[in-house]
Amino acid sequence: MDKYKTISAFNKWFSNIILKNLPFSIREKISQADKYHKKFDFEHFLKVFLYGIDNECESLREIDTAFVSPDLQQTMALDAISHSQLSRELAQMDNEILWAIFTQLLEKARSKIPVTKRNALYLVDSSTFSLNTTQYPWADFRSTKSGIKLHLKLCFMDKEHLYPDQFEVTNAVEHDDNHLEVFVNQPEATYIFDRGYIDYERLDEMEANGYFFVTRVKKNAKIHVMKTYDTSQSKNILRDQMVVLGTQVYLTSPFRLVTIQDEKGKQLRFVTNRFDVTAQEVADMYKARWQIELFFKHIKQHMTIKKLFSHSEKGVSNQIILAMIASLLTYLLKVETGSKKSPFQIKRLLKHLLFQPFEELWVLLVPT
């Protein structure tokens, strides 16, 4: 089989991006940008940077050097590209175009398996990326270091089905609390977040507006028990109660408080407005929050965000958007092949079969 006459694994992975289906205003921006690029147009930009991010290239020089490969040249329809040009392009790229591509892919992901109250959770958290103050003076953090913060909402159905649904990039000095309200925007959904986001008035607002939540209770929380449910059939559920939180200055609506004992003997308390599930299911929902920590670890270690390609604020933002686009492409490949492998496992396979005919990757992905 001539691999150049069949679709490569890379091109199959990339194929969910359909530039002609982007909004007219975005296509106009791409057209205007391409007027000044004879050999390196927007599609080249997109393919090269997605290759660099998903293939874990450590620098723009490594991407530059990678073009000694005939396979890469053939796939990119490009003989060579200098690291200096890549640096300029990343710093100048209009991020509205990249956001439009992320949105296009997100709509596809949502359409593949529609999200409901019963089949999905939204995990909300943030992660800080420490940076050198000399190279990133614009990224306010501390007196001795700079930094950026990625605020993320991750759609989680199970360990095989998870993808970034919404995100923002800010200076690391910005507090997480400012972003929860932006992410809570889909009624009937259940949001999982840690106790750093807790504000009693916000929890009441979520309840009133039809949003569900599960979060940890702070150690010093004032709790008023209204009703206690039977937990005799559960081994690790210590208490299941209806409570209100706060003091006489401000008391919340009635919520549910589930207290469990984990494997290490530690007591954990979860507050929620979900009364339609078991206490164990409440605990399992919060336990799923660990998946967003694993996602952050993955993008830091395997998607080069710790090794940023650009020192400019716009270039850094563009790289993170591209990393999220790459994550959605991998998830869509998983869903379309019906693979039982996790997106992380698929990414590892893709890395080693990138320029091979897609049929070779298909054999490893599709369950037999």
Protein backbone atom coordinates (compact mmCIF):
# COMPACT_ATOMS: atom_id res chain seq x y z
CA MET A 1 0.00 0.00 0.00
CA ASP A 2 1.35 3.44 -0.94
CA LYS A 3 0.94 5.49 2.20
CA TYR A 4 1.00 8.73 0.20
CA LYS A 5 -2.11 7.64 -1.69
CA THR A 6 -4.13 6.92 1.43
CA ILE A 7 -5.22 9.24 4.20
CA SER A 8 -2.59 9.44 6.92
CA ALA A 9 -3.39 9.14 10.62
CA PHE A 10 -2.48 12.83 11.00
CA ASN A 11 -4.84 13.97 8.24
CA LYS A 12 -7.64 11.83 9.64
CA TRP A 13 -7.05 13.37 13.08
CA PHE A 14 -7.04 16.86 11.55
CA SER A 15 -10.08 16.27 9.31
CA ASN A 16 -12.69 17.44 11.83
CA ILE A 17 -11.46 20.99 11.29
CA ILE A 18 -13.42 22.28 8.28
CA LEU A 19 -12.29 25.81 7.54
CA LYS A 20 -14.98 26.43 4.90
CA ASN A 21 -17.66 25.86 7.56
CA LEU A 22 -16.38 28.58 9.88
CA PRO A 23 -18.46 31.79 10.20
CA PHE A 24 -18.10 34.20 7.28
CA SER A 25 -16.34 36.84 9.40
CA ILE A 26 -13.70 34.30 10.44
CA ARG A 27 -13.18 33.10 6.87
CA GLU A 28 -12.64 36.73 5.87
CA LYS A 29 -9.98 37.11 8.55
CA ILE A 30 -8.22 33.99 7.25
CA SER A 31 -8.45 35.23 3.67
CA GLN A 32 -6.97 38.60 4.60
CA ALA A 33 -4.12 36.97 6.53
CA ASP A 34 -3.32 34.61 3.65
CA LYS A 35 -2.83 37.53 1.24
CA TYR A 36 0.53 38.16 2.87
CA HIS A 37 1.64 34.53 2.99
CA LYS A 38 2.54 32.89 -0.31
CA LYS A 39 4.01 29.65 1.02
CA PHE A 40 2.81 29.50 4.63
CA ASP A 41 -0.92 30.10 4.77
CA PHE A 42 -3.28 29.62 7.69
CA GLU A 43 -3.85 25.93 7.05
CA HIS A 44 -0.08 25.39 7.08
CA PHE A 45 0.09 27.33 10.37
CA LEU A 46 -2.63 25.22 11.92
CA LYS A 47 -1.22 21.88 10.84
CA VAL A 48 2.36 22.68 11.79
CA PHE A 49 1.53 23.97 15.27
CA LEU A 50 -0.94 21.18 16.02
CA TYR A 51 1.75 18.71 14.93
CA GLY A 52 4.30 20.41 17.21
CA ILE A 53 1.98 20.44 20.22
CA ASP A 54 0.56 16.94 19.87
CA ASN A 55 3.93 15.43 18.98
CA GLU A 56 5.43 17.01 22.13
CA CYS A 57 8.06 19.10 20.33
CA GLU A 58 10.01 21.01 22.95
CA SER A 59 10.70 24.14 20.90
CA LEU A 60 10.13 25.87 17.59
CA ARG A 61 13.67 24.87 16.61
CA GLU A 62 12.66 21.22 17.02
CA ILE A 63 9.69 21.77 14.70
CA ASP A 64 12.00 23.51 12.24
CA THR A 65 14.43 20.56 12.34
CA ALA A 66 11.62 18.00 11.98
CA PHE A 67 11.13 19.10 8.37
CA VAL A 68 14.09 16.94 7.35
CA SER A 69 11.45 14.18 7.37
CA PRO A 70 9.95 13.49 3.92
CA ASP A 71 6.82 12.22 5.67
CA LEU A 72 6.36 15.54 7.45
CA GLN A 73 6.99 17.48 4.25
CA GLN A 74 4.45 15.36 2.40
CA THR A 75 1.79 15.66 5.10
CA MET A 76 2.22 19.41 5.53
CA ALA A 77 2.68 20.12 1.80
CA LEU A 78 5.65 22.21 2.91
CA ASP A 79 9.39 21.71 2.37
CA ALA A 80 10.66 23.73 5.33
CA ILE A 81 9.82 26.48 7.80
CA SER A 82 12.19 28.48 10.00
CA HIS A 83 11.76 28.73 13.75
CA SER A 84 11.90 32.51 13.53
CA GLN A 85 8.96 32.62 11.14
CA LEU A 86 7.02 30.23 13.36
CA SER A 87 7.68 32.52 16.31
CA ARG A 88 6.38 35.57 14.43
CA GLU A 89 3.29 33.75 13.18
CA LEU A 90 2.33 32.46 16.62
CA ALA A 91 2.70 35.91 18.20
CA GLN A 92 0.69 37.62 15.44
CA MET A 93 -2.11 35.11 14.82
CA ASP A 94 -5.60 36.51 15.43
CA ASN A 95 -6.87 34.36 18.27
CA GLU A 96 -10.49 34.92 17.23
CA ILE A 97 -9.78 32.48 14.40
CA LEU A 98 -8.45 29.85 16.79
CA TRP A 99 -11.39 30.37 19.16
CA ALA A 100 -13.77 29.80 16.23
CA ILE A 101 -12.07 26.48 15.44
CA PHE A 102 -12.27 25.42 19.10
CA THR A 103 -16.00 26.28 19.05
CA GLN A 104 -16.55 24.30 15.83
CA LEU A 105 -14.95 21.21 17.35
CA LEU A 106 -16.74 21.65 20.67
CA GLU A 107 -20.12 21.71 18.91
CA LYS A 108 -19.17 18.46 17.16
CA ALA A 109 -18.13 16.85 20.45
CA ARG A 110 -21.41 17.87 22.08
CA SER A 111 -23.42 16.54 19.16
CA LYS A 112 -21.73 13.12 19.24
CA ILE A 113 -22.93 12.36 22.78
CA PRO A 114 -25.43 14.99 23.99
CA VAL A 115 -24.79 16.04 27.58
CA THR A 116 -27.61 15.44 30.09
CA LYS A 117 -28.01 15.67 33.86
CA ARG A 118 -27.69 11.91 34.05
CA ASN A 119 -24.66 11.21 31.88
CA ALA A 120 -22.17 14.02 32.52
CA LEU A 121 -20.52 16.29 35.05
CA TYR A 122 -18.74 19.59 34.55
CA LEU A 123 -15.47 19.71 36.48
CA VAL A 124 -14.21 23.22 37.25
CA ASP A 125 -10.73 24.11 38.46
CA SER A 126 -7.61 26.08 37.58
CA SER A 127 -3.89 25.41 37.30
CA THR A 128 -0.97 27.82 37.51
CA PHE A 129 2.04 27.78 35.19
CA SER A 130 5.08 29.46 36.76
CA LEU A 131 7.22 31.46 34.31
CA ASN A 132 10.48 33.39 34.25
CA THR A 133 10.01 37.06 35.17
CA THR A 134 12.61 38.24 32.64
CA GLN A 135 11.00 36.44 29.71
CA TYR A 136 7.37 37.01 30.76
CA PRO A 137 7.24 40.41 32.54
CA TRP A 138 3.57 40.88 31.57
CA ALA A 139 2.38 37.77 33.46
CA ASP A 140 1.74 39.12 36.97
CA PHE A 141 2.16 36.60 39.76
CA ARG A 142 4.69 37.14 42.54
CA SER A 143 7.67 39.41 43.08
CA THR A 144 10.11 36.60 42.22
CA LYS A 145 8.25 34.87 39.40
CA SER A 146 5.73 35.40 36.64
CA GLY A 147 2.89 33.07 35.78
CA ILE A 148 -0.32 32.40 33.95
CA LYS A 149 -3.41 30.54 35.11
CA LEU A 150 -5.59 28.24 33.05
CA HIS A 151 -9.20 28.24 34.26
CA LEU A 152 -10.97 25.18 32.87
CA LYS A 153 -14.37 23.53 32.66
CA LEU A 154 -14.00 19.89 31.67
CA CYS A 155 -16.93 17.82 30.45
CA PHE A 156 -16.65 14.41 32.13
CA MET A 157 -18.87 11.43 31.29
CA ASP A 158 -16.47 8.69 32.33
CA LYS A 159 -12.73 8.04 32.14
CA GLU A 160 -13.03 7.36 28.40
CA HIS A 161 -15.17 10.40 27.59
CA LEU A 162 -13.84 13.75 28.73
CA TYR A 163 -12.93 16.92 26.88
CA PRO A 164 -12.38 20.67 27.50
CA ASP A 165 -15.69 22.50 27.27
CA GLN A 166 -14.69 26.04 28.23
CA PHE A 167 -11.55 27.79 29.42
CA GLU A 168 -9.91 31.14 30.07
CA VAL A 169 -6.28 32.20 30.41
CA THR A 170 -5.32 34.94 32.88
CA ASN A 171 -2.33 36.19 34.80
CA ALA A 172 -1.61 33.86 37.72
CA VAL A 173 -2.38 36.58 40.26
CA GLU A 174 -6.09 36.51 39.38
CA HIS A 175 -8.29 34.65 41.86
CA ASP A 176 -10.22 31.55 40.79
CA ASP A 177 -13.41 32.83 42.36
CA ASN A 178 -13.91 35.35 39.55
CA HIS A 179 -14.41 32.62 36.94
CA LEU A 180 -16.93 30.17 38.36
CA GLU A 181 -19.90 32.32 37.36
CA VAL A 182 -18.63 32.43 33.77
CA PHE A 183 -18.46 28.63 33.61
CA VAL A 184 -21.83 27.96 35.24
CA ASN A 185 -24.01 28.54 32.20
CA GLN A 186 -25.89 25.32 31.42
CA PRO A 187 -29.02 24.66 33.53
CA GLU A 188 -29.67 21.08 34.65
CA ALA A 189 -25.92 20.40 34.57
CA THR A 190 -24.00 19.35 37.69
CA TYR A 191 -20.84 21.31 38.47
CA ILE A 192 -18.05 19.88 40.59
CA PHE A 193 -15.57 22.29 42.17
CA ASP A 194 -13.40 22.50 45.26
CA ARG A 195 -14.12 24.52 48.39
CA GLY A 196 -11.96 27.43 47.23
CA TYR A 197 -14.88 28.49 45.03
CA ILE A 198 -17.50 28.33 47.80
CA ASP A 199 -19.64 31.38 48.40
CA TYR A 200 -22.99 30.80 50.10
CA GLU A 201 -24.85 33.40 48.07
CA ARG A 202 -23.50 31.87 44.87
CA LEU A 203 -24.70 28.41 45.92
CA ASP A 204 -28.16 29.84 46.53
CA GLU A 205 -28.11 31.52 43.12
CA MET A 206 -27.15 28.23 41.46
CA GLU A 207 -30.01 26.49 43.24
CA ALA A 208 -32.51 29.20 42.24
CA ASN A 209 -31.38 29.18 38.61
CA GLY A 210 -31.58 25.41 38.12
CA TYR A 211 -27.88 24.54 38.31
CA PHE A 212 -26.66 21.57 40.36
CA PHE A 213 -23.40 21.34 42.27
CA VAL A 214 -21.24 19.12 44.47
CA THR A 215 -18.39 20.65 46.46
CA ARG A 216 -16.43 20.23 49.70
CA VAL A 217 -17.47 22.07 52.86
CA LYS A 218 -14.89 24.27 54.54
CA LYS A 219 -13.62 23.14 57.93
CA ASN A 220 -15.04 26.17 59.76
CA ALA A 221 -18.47 26.02 58.09
CA LYS A 222 -21.45 26.64 60.37
CA ILE A 223 -23.88 23.77 59.81
CA HIS A 224 -27.49 23.56 60.99
CA VAL A 225 -28.99 20.08 60.64
CA MET A 226 -32.65 19.94 59.60
CA LYS A 227 -33.04 16.23 58.87
CA THR A 228 -30.94 13.05 59.01
CA TYR A 229 -31.30 10.18 56.52
CA ASP A 230 -30.62 6.50 57.15
CA THR A 231 -27.10 5.37 56.21
CA SER A 232 -27.13 1.93 57.80
CA GLN A 233 -26.83 0.18 54.43
CA SER A 234 -23.64 2.04 53.45
CA LYS A 235 -20.21 1.09 54.76
CA ASN A 236 -18.29 4.31 54.20
CA ILE A 237 -21.16 6.83 54.41
CA LEU A 238 -21.06 8.23 57.94
CA ARG A 239 -23.87 10.78 57.67
CA ASP A 240 -26.44 11.94 55.10
CA GLN A 241 -28.29 15.08 56.18
CA MET A 242 -30.42 17.99 55.05
CA VAL A 243 -28.75 21.17 56.31
CA VAL A 244 -28.52 24.92 55.97
CA LEU A 245 -25.13 26.61 56.03
CA GLY A 246 -24.02 29.92 57.53
CA THR A 247 -24.85 32.13 60.49
CA GLN A 248 -27.88 34.19 61.35
CA VAL A 249 -26.40 36.93 59.15
CA TYR A 250 -26.86 34.71 56.09
CA LEU A 251 -28.35 31.23 55.94
CA THR A 252 -28.45 29.19 52.74
CA SER A 253 -31.32 27.27 51.26
CA PRO A 254 -31.66 23.67 52.47
CA PHE A 255 -28.87 21.58 50.97
CA ARG A 256 -27.66 18.03 51.39
CA LEU A 257 -24.53 17.24 53.39
CA VAL A 258 -22.87 13.84 52.87
CA THR A 259 -20.02 12.81 55.18
CA ILE A 260 -17.86 9.86 54.17
CA GLN A 261 -14.75 8.13 55.44
CA ASP A 262 -12.15 7.54 52.72
CA GLU A 263 -9.69 4.65 52.34
CA LYS A 264 -7.18 6.39 54.64
CA GLY A 265 -9.73 6.94 57.40
CA LYS A 266 -10.13 10.65 56.70
CA GLN A 267 -13.59 12.20 56.95
CA LEU A 268 -14.75 14.24 53.95
CA ARG A 269 -17.91 16.38 53.78
CA PHE A 270 -19.69 17.19 50.54
CA VAL A 271 -22.50 19.68 50.09
CA THR A 272 -24.88 19.42 47.13
CA ASN A 273 -28.38 20.30 45.95
CA ARG A 274 -28.79 16.86 44.35
CA PHE A 275 -31.39 15.01 46.42
CA ASP A 276 -32.25 12.61 43.57
CA VAL A 277 -29.15 10.39 43.90
CA THR A 278 -27.68 8.19 46.60
CA ALA A 279 -25.11 9.42 49.11
CA GLN A 280 -22.51 7.18 47.46
CA GLU A 281 -23.24 8.75 44.09
CA VAL A 282 -22.66 12.19 45.59
CA ALA A 283 -19.27 11.02 46.87
CA ASP A 284 -18.43 9.46 43.49
CA MET A 285 -19.31 12.71 41.71
CA TYR A 286 -16.81 14.64 43.77
CA LYS A 287 -14.23 11.90 43.37
CA ALA A 288 -14.47 12.46 39.59
CA ARG A 289 -12.88 15.88 40.18
CA TRP A 290 -9.52 14.07 40.18
CA GLN A 291 -9.90 13.75 36.41
CA ILE A 292 -9.39 17.47 35.88
CA GLU A 293 -6.15 17.24 37.89
CA LEU A 294 -5.01 14.45 35.57
CA PHE A 295 -5.96 16.58 32.57
CA PHE A 296 -3.85 19.49 33.83
CA LYS A 297 -0.95 17.10 34.44
CA HIS A 298 -1.33 15.74 30.91
CA ILE A 299 -1.28 19.11 29.16
CA LYS A 300 1.66 20.30 31.24
CA GLN A 301 3.77 17.19 30.72
CA HIS A 302 2.74 16.07 27.23
CA MET A 303 1.42 19.09 25.34
CA THR A 304 4.39 21.43 25.79
CA ILE A 305 2.55 24.13 27.73
CA LYS A 306 5.38 24.10 30.28
CA LYS A 307 7.73 24.74 27.36
CA LEU A 308 5.97 27.68 25.79
CA PHE A 309 6.89 28.52 22.22
CA SER A 310 6.42 32.28 22.64
CA HIS A 311 7.29 34.97 25.18
CA SER A 312 4.47 37.28 24.10
CA GLU A 313 1.09 37.32 25.82
CA LYS A 314 -0.75 36.69 22.57
CA GLY A 315 1.58 33.88 21.55
CA VAL A 316 1.12 32.12 24.90
CA SER A 317 -2.66 32.44 24.67
CA ASN A 318 -2.62 31.09 21.11
CA GLN A 319 -0.56 28.05 22.14
CA ILE A 320 -3.02 27.15 24.89
CA ILE A 321 -5.98 27.45 22.51
CA LEU A 322 -4.13 25.19 20.06
CA ALA A 323 -3.53 22.65 22.85
CA MET A 324 -7.27 22.60 23.60
CA ILE A 325 -8.02 22.18 19.89
CA ALA A 326 -5.63 19.21 19.80
CA SER A 327 -7.44 17.66 22.79
CA LEU A 328 -10.81 17.95 21.04
CA LEU A 329 -9.41 16.43 17.84
CA THR A 330 -8.20 13.39 19.77
CA TYR A 331 -11.52 13.02 21.57
CA LEU A 332 -13.45 13.22 18.27
CA LEU A 333 -11.19 10.57 16.75
CA LYS A 334 -11.96 8.33 19.72
CA VAL A 335 -15.73 8.78 19.41
CA GLU A 336 -15.81 8.34 15.63
CA THR A 337 -13.81 5.10 15.75
CA GLY A 338 -15.80 3.76 18.69
CA SER A 339 -12.54 3.06 20.50
CA LYS A 340 -12.60 1.93 24.13
CA LYS A 341 -9.20 3.52 24.72
CA SER A 342 -8.92 6.78 26.64
CA PRO A 343 -8.04 10.00 24.77
CA PHE A 344 -4.62 9.89 26.45
CA GLN A 345 -3.97 6.35 25.15
CA ILE A 346 -5.07 7.35 21.66
CA LYS A 347 -2.70 10.30 21.72
CA ARG A 348 0.23 8.01 22.51
CA LEU A 349 -0.67 5.69 19.62
CA LEU A 350 -1.14 8.60 17.25
CA LYS A 351 2.31 9.96 18.06
CA HIS A 352 3.96 6.77 16.78
CA LEU A 353 1.72 6.29 13.71
CA LEU A 354 1.29 9.91 12.70
CA PHE A 355 2.34 9.58 9.07
CA GLN A 356 1.22 6.00 8.50
CA PRO A 357 -2.01 5.12 6.67
CA PHE A 358 -4.97 5.62 8.98
CA GLU A 359 -5.90 1.96 8.53
CA GLU A 360 -2.92 1.00 10.71
CA LEU A 361 -4.17 3.18 13.56
CA TRP A 362 -7.77 1.99 13.00
CA VAL A 363 -6.77 -1.63 13.72
CA LEU A 364 -5.42 -0.57 17.14
CA LEU A 365 -8.35 1.69 18.02
CA VAL A 366 -11.46 -0.19 17.01
CA PRO A 367 -12.53 -2.97 19.41
CA THR A 368 -12.59 -6.45 17.91
